[in-house]
Amino acid sequence: MFNNVKRSASEVGDLAKTRVAMWMKTKFDIKVYSIEEFKSFLGGIRKLKL
């Protein structure tokens, strides 16, 4: 999956956030926000106490 390279949990999490952000931008044709802005938003969700 990762070409036999060990990844930290942080790296895997960042990759997941990048993929979700890319999918959302494409799926909903969002051009206003950058991938990094989406990733920042996704990181903030974890901090919410729902």
N, C-alpha and C. Protein backbone atom coordinates (compact mmCIF):
# COMPACT_ATOMS: atom_id res chain seq x y z
N MET A 1 0.82 -1.19 0.00
CA MET A 1 0.00 0.00 0.00
C MET A 1 0.87 1.26 0.00
N PHE A 2 1.93 1.26 0.78
CA PHE A 2 2.80 2.43 0.84
C PHE A 2 4.18 2.11 0.29
N ASN A 3 4.27 1.17 -0.65
CA ASN A 3 5.54 0.79 -1.26
C ASN A 3 6.56 0.36 -0.21
N ASN A 4 6.08 -0.41 0.78
CA ASN A 4 6.94 -0.93 1.86
C ASN A 4 7.64 0.16 2.65
N VAL A 5 7.04 1.35 2.74
CA VAL A 5 7.59 2.45 3.53
C VAL A 5 6.69 2.62 4.75
N LYS A 6 7.30 2.66 5.93
CA LYS A 6 6.52 2.86 7.14
C LYS A 6 6.16 4.34 7.26
N ARG A 7 4.92 4.59 7.58
CA ARG A 7 4.42 5.96 7.75
C ARG A 7 3.95 6.15 9.17
N SER A 8 4.13 7.36 9.69
CA SER A 8 3.64 7.66 11.04
C SER A 8 2.14 7.90 10.97
N ALA A 9 1.50 7.85 12.12
CA ALA A 9 0.06 8.11 12.17
C ALA A 9 -0.24 9.51 11.66
N SER A 10 0.63 10.45 11.95
CA SER A 10 0.45 11.82 11.49
C SER A 10 0.49 11.92 9.97
N GLU A 11 1.43 11.20 9.35
CA GLU A 11 1.54 11.21 7.89
C GLU A 11 0.32 10.58 7.24
N VAL A 12 -0.15 9.47 7.81
CA VAL A 12 -1.34 8.80 7.27
C VAL A 12 -2.55 9.71 7.43
N GLY A 13 -2.67 10.37 8.58
CA GLY A 13 -3.78 11.30 8.80
C GLY A 13 -3.76 12.45 7.81
N ASP A 14 -2.57 13.00 7.56
CA ASP A 14 -2.44 14.10 6.61
C ASP A 14 -2.82 13.65 5.20
N LEU A 15 -2.40 12.45 4.83
CA LEU A 15 -2.76 11.91 3.52
C LEU A 15 -4.27 11.74 3.40
N ALA A 16 -4.89 11.23 4.45
CA ALA A 16 -6.35 11.04 4.44
C ALA A 16 -7.06 12.39 4.30
N LYS A 17 -6.61 13.39 5.04
CA LYS A 17 -7.23 14.73 4.94
C LYS A 17 -7.07 15.31 3.55
N THR A 18 -5.90 15.11 2.95
CA THR A 18 -5.66 15.60 1.60
C THR A 18 -6.61 14.94 0.61
N ARG A 19 -6.75 13.63 0.72
CA ARG A 19 -7.64 12.91 -0.20
C ARG A 19 -9.10 13.33 -0.02
N VAL A 20 -9.54 13.50 1.22
CA VAL A 20 -10.93 13.93 1.46
C VAL A 20 -11.13 15.34 0.90
N ALA A 21 -10.18 16.22 1.13
CA ALA A 21 -10.28 17.59 0.61
C ALA A 21 -10.35 17.59 -0.92
N MET A 22 -9.51 16.79 -1.55
CA MET A 22 -9.52 16.72 -3.01
C MET A 22 -10.86 16.18 -3.51
N TRP A 23 -11.38 15.15 -2.84
CA TRP A 23 -12.65 14.57 -3.24
C TRP A 23 -13.77 15.59 -3.10
N MET A 24 -13.81 16.31 -1.95
CA MET A 24 -14.88 17.30 -1.73
C MET A 24 -14.84 18.41 -2.77
N LYS A 25 -13.63 18.92 -3.05
CA LYS A 25 -13.52 19.99 -4.05
C LYS A 25 -14.02 19.54 -5.41
N THR A 26 -13.70 18.29 -5.78
CA THR A 26 -14.11 17.77 -7.08
C THR A 26 -15.61 17.46 -7.09
N LYS A 27 -16.06 16.75 -6.08
CA LYS A 27 -17.46 16.31 -6.00
C LYS A 27 -18.42 17.49 -6.03
N PHE A 28 -18.10 18.54 -5.28
CA PHE A 28 -19.01 19.67 -5.16
C PHE A 28 -18.56 20.88 -5.98
N ASP A 29 -17.56 20.68 -6.84
CA ASP A 29 -17.05 21.73 -7.74
C ASP A 29 -16.77 23.04 -6.98
N ILE A 30 -16.00 22.92 -5.91
CA ILE A 30 -15.67 24.07 -5.07
C ILE A 30 -14.33 24.63 -5.51
N LYS A 31 -14.34 25.87 -5.93
CA LYS A 31 -13.12 26.50 -6.41
C LYS A 31 -12.63 27.60 -5.47
N VAL A 32 -13.46 27.94 -4.48
CA VAL A 32 -13.16 29.07 -3.59
C VAL A 32 -12.03 28.74 -2.61
N TYR A 33 -12.00 27.51 -2.10
CA TYR A 33 -11.04 27.13 -1.07
C TYR A 33 -9.93 26.25 -1.63
N SER A 34 -8.73 26.41 -1.08
CA SER A 34 -7.60 25.58 -1.49
C SER A 34 -7.63 24.25 -0.74
N ILE A 35 -6.82 23.32 -1.18
CA ILE A 35 -6.69 22.03 -0.49
C ILE A 35 -6.23 22.27 0.94
N GLU A 36 -5.27 23.16 1.13
CA GLU A 36 -4.75 23.44 2.48
C GLU A 36 -5.83 24.03 3.39
N GLU A 37 -6.71 24.88 2.84
CA GLU A 37 -7.81 25.43 3.64
C GLU A 37 -8.78 24.33 4.05
N PHE A 38 -9.07 23.42 3.14
CA PHE A 38 -9.92 22.28 3.48
C PHE A 38 -9.28 21.43 4.56
N LYS A 39 -7.99 21.16 4.43
CA LYS A 39 -7.29 20.34 5.42
C LYS A 39 -7.33 21.00 6.79
N SER A 40 -7.19 22.30 6.82
CA SER A 40 -7.26 23.04 8.08
C SER A 40 -8.64 22.88 8.71
N PHE A 41 -9.67 22.99 7.90
CA PHE A 41 -11.03 22.82 8.38
C PHE A 41 -11.24 21.41 8.92
N LEU A 42 -10.77 20.40 8.19
CA LEU A 42 -10.92 19.01 8.62
C LEU A 42 -10.18 18.76 9.93
N GLY A 43 -9.04 19.41 10.11
CA GLY A 43 -8.30 19.27 11.36
C GLY A 43 -9.06 19.88 12.53
N GLY A 44 -9.81 20.93 12.26
CA GLY A 44 -10.58 21.58 13.31
C GLY A 44 -11.79 20.77 13.77
N ILE A 45 -12.29 19.91 12.93
CA ILE A 45 -13.45 19.09 13.29
C ILE A 45 -13.14 18.22 14.51
N ARG A 46 -11.94 17.70 14.57
CA ARG A 46 -11.54 16.84 15.68
C ARG A 46 -11.65 17.57 17.01
N LYS A 47 -11.42 18.88 17.01
CA LYS A 47 -11.42 19.66 18.23
C LYS A 47 -12.82 19.98 18.74
N LEU A 48 -13.84 19.81 17.89
CA LEU A 48 -15.21 20.07 18.30
C LEU A 48 -15.67 19.03 19.31
N LYS A 49 -16.40 19.45 20.30
CA LYS A 49 -16.93 18.52 21.29
C LYS A 49 -18.43 18.37 21.02
N LEU A 50 -18.75 17.41 20.20
CA LEU A 50 -20.15 17.19 19.81
C LEU A 50 -20.76 16.11 20.66
